[in-house]
Structures are given as C-alpha cells and as structure tokens.
C-alpha cells in the first residue's frame, strides 16, 4: 500500500506546491486525465487525495473532500471469464469481444 501511495504522490507533482484548500476539483480531474491513463493509477491518486482531504477536514483546514467525486477511467474488462461446464469441472472461457 505504501508503494502505491508513494507512486501516486510522485504523480501529483503539479499540485504539490499549492495549498490543499486552493486546489480545485478541475485541477485534480485534469491531473488524473494527464498522468493516470489506467484505472489502477487513477484509483491510487484518488485514494491519496481523499486521504489528504480527510486529514485536512480533521484538522479543520477545509470543510469538504473534493476528491471523493473525481472520475477515474473504468476498470478493464477481464479477458477471461470463469464458467462451469457440465457442473463438474471448471474451465476458462474467453469473453467474446464486440
């Protein structure tokens, strides 16, 4: 978990010189679009920002967690789907792509 947060922190360089209360929702959303092309990276950045806002709220530096509503890219569709054939043996069957 620490490695993910450290990686996410390194991706937020453009926001690190701003006060948390001065960062806009658009700043954070634009950052995710620029530096987080995958679902997992975007999710880690969002988690980090949410955590920072939670700390700021506890310390009464701000009132709301702006990061909670950030949109992240969807998770990838799994390439294989677990299925059971004839109720006995499990097998892997590919999901048909449209």
Protein backbone atom coordinates (compact mmCIF):
# COMPACT_ATOMS: atom_id res chain seq x y z
CA UNK A 1 0.00 0.00 0.00
CA UNK A 2 2.81 2.43 0.83
CA UNK A 3 4.40 1.86 -2.57
CA UNK A 4 1.12 2.68 -4.29
CA UNK A 5 0.73 5.88 -2.30
CA UNK A 6 4.36 6.87 -2.92
CA UNK A 7 3.87 6.25 -6.66
CA UNK A 8 0.64 8.31 -6.58
CA UNK A 9 2.41 11.09 -4.66
CA UNK A 10 5.11 11.25 -7.35
CA UNK A 11 2.39 11.65 -9.99
CA UNK A 12 0.89 14.69 -8.20
CA UNK A 13 3.93 16.95 -8.66
CA UNK A 14 1.87 19.69 -10.32
CA UNK A 15 -0.32 20.05 -7.22
CA UNK A 16 2.34 19.76 -4.53
CA UNK A 17 3.19 23.48 -4.35
CA UNK A 18 -0.44 24.51 -3.78
CA UNK A 19 -2.36 24.65 -0.53
CA UNK A 20 -4.97 21.91 -0.37
CA UNK A 21 -7.77 24.46 0.03
CA UNK A 22 -6.62 26.22 -3.16
CA UNK A 23 -6.72 23.08 -5.32
CA UNK A 24 -9.87 22.96 -7.41
CA UNK A 25 -11.82 19.92 -8.49
CA UNK A 26 -10.80 20.74 -12.07
CA UNK A 27 -7.11 20.75 -11.09
CA UNK A 28 -7.43 17.24 -9.70
CA UNK A 29 -9.55 15.92 -12.58
CA UNK A 30 -7.12 17.37 -15.15
CA UNK A 31 -4.20 15.78 -13.28
CA UNK A 32 -5.84 12.36 -13.43
CA UNK A 33 -6.51 12.75 -17.16
CA UNK A 34 -2.88 13.76 -17.79
CA UNK A 35 -0.88 11.35 -15.64
CA UNK A 36 -3.17 8.39 -14.93
CA UNK A 37 -4.21 6.60 -18.12
CA UNK A 38 -5.13 3.38 -16.30
CA UNK A 39 -7.81 2.60 -13.75
CA UNK A 40 -5.37 1.42 -11.08
CA UNK A 41 -3.12 4.51 -11.24
CA UNK A 42 -6.13 6.85 -11.19
CA UNK A 43 -7.63 4.92 -8.26
CA UNK A 44 -4.38 5.25 -6.30
CA UNK A 45 -4.17 9.01 -6.95
CA UNK A 46 -7.80 9.45 -5.94
CA UNK A 47 -7.20 7.45 -2.75
CA UNK A 48 -4.20 9.61 -1.88
CA UNK A 49 -6.10 12.85 -2.48
CA UNK A 50 -9.09 11.60 -0.45
CA UNK A 51 -6.76 10.68 2.39
CA UNK A 52 -5.15 14.15 2.34
CA UNK A 53 -8.58 15.80 2.38
CA UNK A 54 -9.70 13.60 5.27
CA UNK A 55 -6.68 14.77 7.28
CA UNK A 56 -7.37 18.40 6.35
CA UNK A 57 -11.01 18.07 7.44
CA UNK A 58 -9.98 16.59 10.80
CA UNK A 59 -7.59 19.50 11.32
CA UNK A 60 -10.32 21.94 10.24
CA UNK A 61 -8.33 23.27 7.30
CA UNK A 62 -11.26 22.65 4.94
CA UNK A 63 -14.88 21.54 5.09
CA UNK A 64 -15.35 19.07 2.24
CA UNK A 65 -13.46 16.31 0.48
CA UNK A 66 -13.35 17.49 -3.13
CA UNK A 67 -11.53 14.34 -4.23
CA UNK A 68 -14.41 11.96 -3.45
CA UNK A 69 -16.26 12.83 -6.66
CA UNK A 70 -13.27 12.50 -9.01
CA UNK A 71 -13.97 10.40 -12.07
CA UNK A 72 -11.46 7.71 -12.91
CA UNK A 73 -11.15 5.55 -16.04
CA UNK A 74 -13.21 2.36 -15.89
CA UNK A 75 -11.62 -0.89 -14.82
CA UNK A 76 -10.56 -3.11 -17.72
CA UNK A 77 -12.91 -5.88 -18.78
CA UNK A 78 -11.41 -9.25 -17.87
CA UNK A 79 -10.17 -11.20 -20.87
CA UNK A 80 -11.36 -14.48 -19.48
CA UNK A 81 -14.50 -15.41 -17.64
CA UNK A 82 -14.83 -18.19 -15.10
CA UNK A 83 -17.51 -20.68 -16.06
CA UNK A 84 -18.57 -24.19 -15.17
CA UNK A 85 -19.14 -26.79 -17.85
CA UNK A 86 -21.47 -29.69 -17.16
CA UNK A 87 -21.46 -28.82 -13.47
CA UNK A 88 -18.29 -30.86 -12.77
CA UNK A 89 -15.05 -29.32 -13.98
CA UNK A 90 -14.25 -25.60 -14.01
CA UNK A 91 -12.78 -24.16 -17.19
CA UNK A 92 -11.74 -20.79 -18.53
CA UNK A 93 -13.70 -19.43 -21.46
CA UNK A 94 -12.80 -16.26 -23.32
CA UNK A 95 -15.30 -13.41 -23.24
CA UNK A 96 -16.40 -12.52 -26.76
CA UNK A 97 -15.29 -9.00 -27.67
CA UNK A 98 -17.75 -6.85 -29.53
